[in-house]
């Protein structure tokens, strides 16, 4: 198996970016950390939904989507 190191570095090494999330303010982090926040907020939304806390579920899903949309705009998910 051949690994293209330049491509791998381009995918994994990313600069920080800032995302404005309603209720939290601006978050500056690497794209990888922001993606982890997308996953965490999504899981949190599911947890709240299962306990019938619909307003909290909606808030967490909104936060997840806001960060996801910003990562998508810069092409983060294009090569995964």
C-alpha atoms as a PDB file:
ATOM      1  CA  UNK A   1       0.000   0.000   0.000  1.00  0.00           C
ATOM      2  CA  UNK A   2       1.375   3.381  -0.989  1.00  0.00           C
ATOM      3  CA  UNK A   3       0.575   6.440   1.094  1.00  0.00           C
ATOM      4  CA  UNK A   4       0.743   9.870  -0.471  1.00  0.00           C
ATOM      5  CA  UNK A   5       2.308  11.829   2.410  1.00  0.00           C
ATOM      6  CA  UNK A   6       1.621  15.243   0.859  1.00  0.00           C
ATOM      7  CA  UNK A   7      -2.074  14.403   0.459  1.00  0.00           C
ATOM      8  CA  UNK A   8      -2.231  12.952   3.970  1.00  0.00           C
ATOM      9  CA  UNK A   9      -0.664  16.084   5.451  1.00  0.00           C
ATOM     10  CA  UNK A  10      -3.050  18.260   3.492  1.00  0.00           C
ATOM     11  CA  UNK A  11      -6.049  16.328   4.850  1.00  0.00           C
ATOM     12  CA  UNK A  12      -4.896  15.987   8.467  1.00  0.00           C
ATOM     13  CA  UNK A  13      -3.013  19.233   9.059  1.00  0.00           C
ATOM     14  CA  UNK A  14      -5.403  22.091   9.281  1.00  0.00           C
ATOM     15  CA  UNK A  15      -5.326  25.626  10.487  1.00  0.00           C
ATOM     16  CA  UNK A  16      -7.650  26.892  13.141  1.00  0.00           C
ATOM     17  CA  UNK A  17     -10.922  28.407  12.105  1.00  0.00           C
ATOM     18  CA  UNK A  18     -13.523  30.394  13.997  1.00  0.00           C
ATOM     19  CA  UNK A  19     -17.195  29.490  14.076  1.00  0.00           C
ATOM     20  CA  UNK A  20     -19.901  31.645  15.655  1.00  0.00           C
ATOM     21  CA  UNK A  21     -22.382  29.422  17.484  1.00  0.00           C
ATOM     22  CA  UNK A  22     -25.624  30.875  18.793  1.00  0.00           C
ATOM     23  CA  UNK A  23     -25.654  30.795  22.590  1.00  0.00           C
ATOM     24  CA  UNK A  24     -21.943  30.003  22.852  1.00  0.00           C
ATOM     25  CA  UNK A  25     -20.250  32.758  20.881  1.00  0.00           C
ATOM     26  CA  UNK A  26     -17.147  32.323  18.768  1.00  0.00           C
ATOM     27  CA  UNK A  27     -15.233  29.061  18.937  1.00  0.00           C
ATOM     28  CA  UNK A  28     -11.724  28.956  17.481  1.00  0.00           C
ATOM     29  CA  UNK A  29     -10.249  25.500  17.043  1.00  0.00           C
ATOM     30  CA  UNK A  30      -8.803  23.135  14.481  1.00  0.00           C
ATOM     31  CA  UNK A  31     -11.192  21.642  11.974  1.00  0.00           C
ATOM     32  CA  UNK A  32     -10.744  18.259  13.611  1.00  0.00           C
ATOM     33  CA  UNK A  33     -11.777  19.600  17.017  1.00  0.00           C
ATOM     34  CA  UNK A  34     -14.743  21.407  15.482  1.00  0.00           C
ATOM     35  CA  UNK A  35     -15.798  18.129  13.847  1.00  0.00           C
ATOM     36  CA  UNK A  36     -15.629  16.425  17.253  1.00  0.00           C
ATOM     37  CA  UNK A  37     -17.909  19.164  18.595  1.00  0.00           C
ATOM     38  CA  UNK A  38     -20.351  18.440  15.754  1.00  0.00           C
ATOM     39  CA  UNK A  39     -20.474  14.818  16.874  1.00  0.00           C
ATOM     40  CA  UNK A  40     -20.735  15.709  20.572  1.00  0.00           C
ATOM     41  CA  UNK A  41     -23.587  18.173  20.047  1.00  0.00           C
ATOM     42  CA  UNK A  42     -25.387  15.657  17.848  1.00  0.00           C
ATOM     43  CA  UNK A  43     -25.088  12.943  20.500  1.00  0.00           C
ATOM     44  CA  UNK A  44     -26.258  15.415  23.122  1.00  0.00           C
ATOM     45  CA  UNK A  45     -29.300  16.215  20.985  1.00  0.00           C
ATOM     46  CA  UNK A  46     -30.142  12.524  20.753  1.00  0.00           C
ATOM     47  CA  UNK A  47     -29.812  12.139  24.518  1.00  0.00           C
ATOM     48  CA  UNK A  48     -32.171  15.052  25.156  1.00  0.00           C
ATOM     49  CA  UNK A  49     -34.631  13.818  22.539  1.00  0.00           C
ATOM     50  CA  UNK A  50     -34.833  10.393  24.179  1.00  0.00           C
ATOM     51  CA  UNK A  51     -35.668  12.067  27.503  1.00  0.00           C
ATOM     52  CA  UNK A  52     -38.333  14.254  25.851  1.00  0.00           C
ATOM     53  CA  UNK A  53     -36.368  17.470  26.391  1.00  0.00           C
ATOM     54  CA  UNK A  54     -37.240  18.732  22.951  1.00  0.00           C
ATOM     55  CA  UNK A  55     -36.130  22.367  23.379  1.00  0.00           C
ATOM     56  CA  UNK A  56     -32.687  21.260  24.558  1.00  0.00           C
ATOM     57  CA  UNK A  57     -32.475  18.683  21.772  1.00  0.00           C
ATOM     58  CA  UNK A  58     -33.308  21.373  19.226  1.00  0.00           C
ATOM     59  CA  UNK A  59     -30.668  23.705  20.672  1.00  0.00           C
ATOM     60  CA  UNK A  60     -27.953  21.041  20.556  1.00  0.00           C
ATOM     61  CA  UNK A  61     -28.868  19.964  17.021  1.00  0.00           C
ATOM     62  CA  UNK A  62     -28.801  23.608  15.934  1.00  0.00           C
ATOM     63  CA  UNK A  63     -25.292  23.983  17.363  1.00  0.00           C
ATOM     64  CA  UNK A  64     -24.156  20.797  15.658  1.00  0.00           C
ATOM     65  CA  UNK A  65     -25.592  21.928  12.331  1.00  0.00           C
ATOM     66  CA  UNK A  66     -24.048  25.408  12.598  1.00  0.00           C
ATOM     67  CA  UNK A  67     -20.550  24.007  13.005  1.00  0.00           C
ATOM     68  CA  UNK A  68     -21.127  21.297  10.386  1.00  0.00           C
ATOM     69  CA  UNK A  69     -22.270  23.890   7.847  1.00  0.00           C
ATOM     70  CA  UNK A  70     -19.162  26.017   8.374  1.00  0.00           C
ATOM     71  CA  UNK A  71     -16.867  22.993   8.009  1.00  0.00           C
ATOM     72  CA  UNK A  72     -18.742  21.965   4.889  1.00  0.00           C
ATOM     73  CA  UNK A  73     -18.295  25.438   3.362  1.00  0.00           C
ATOM     74  CA  UNK A  74     -14.504  25.120   3.591  1.00  0.00           C
ATOM     75  CA  UNK A  75     -14.551  21.605   2.124  1.00  0.00           C
ATOM     76  CA  UNK A  76     -13.680  19.684   5.288  1.00  0.00           C
ATOM     77  CA  UNK A  77     -15.966  16.781   4.399  1.00  0.00           C
ATOM     78  CA  UNK A  78     -15.042  16.625   0.702  1.00  0.00           C
ATOM     79  CA  UNK A  79     -12.139  14.170   1.071  1.00  0.00           C
ATOM     80  CA  UNK A  80     -13.303  12.007   3.945  1.00  0.00           C
END
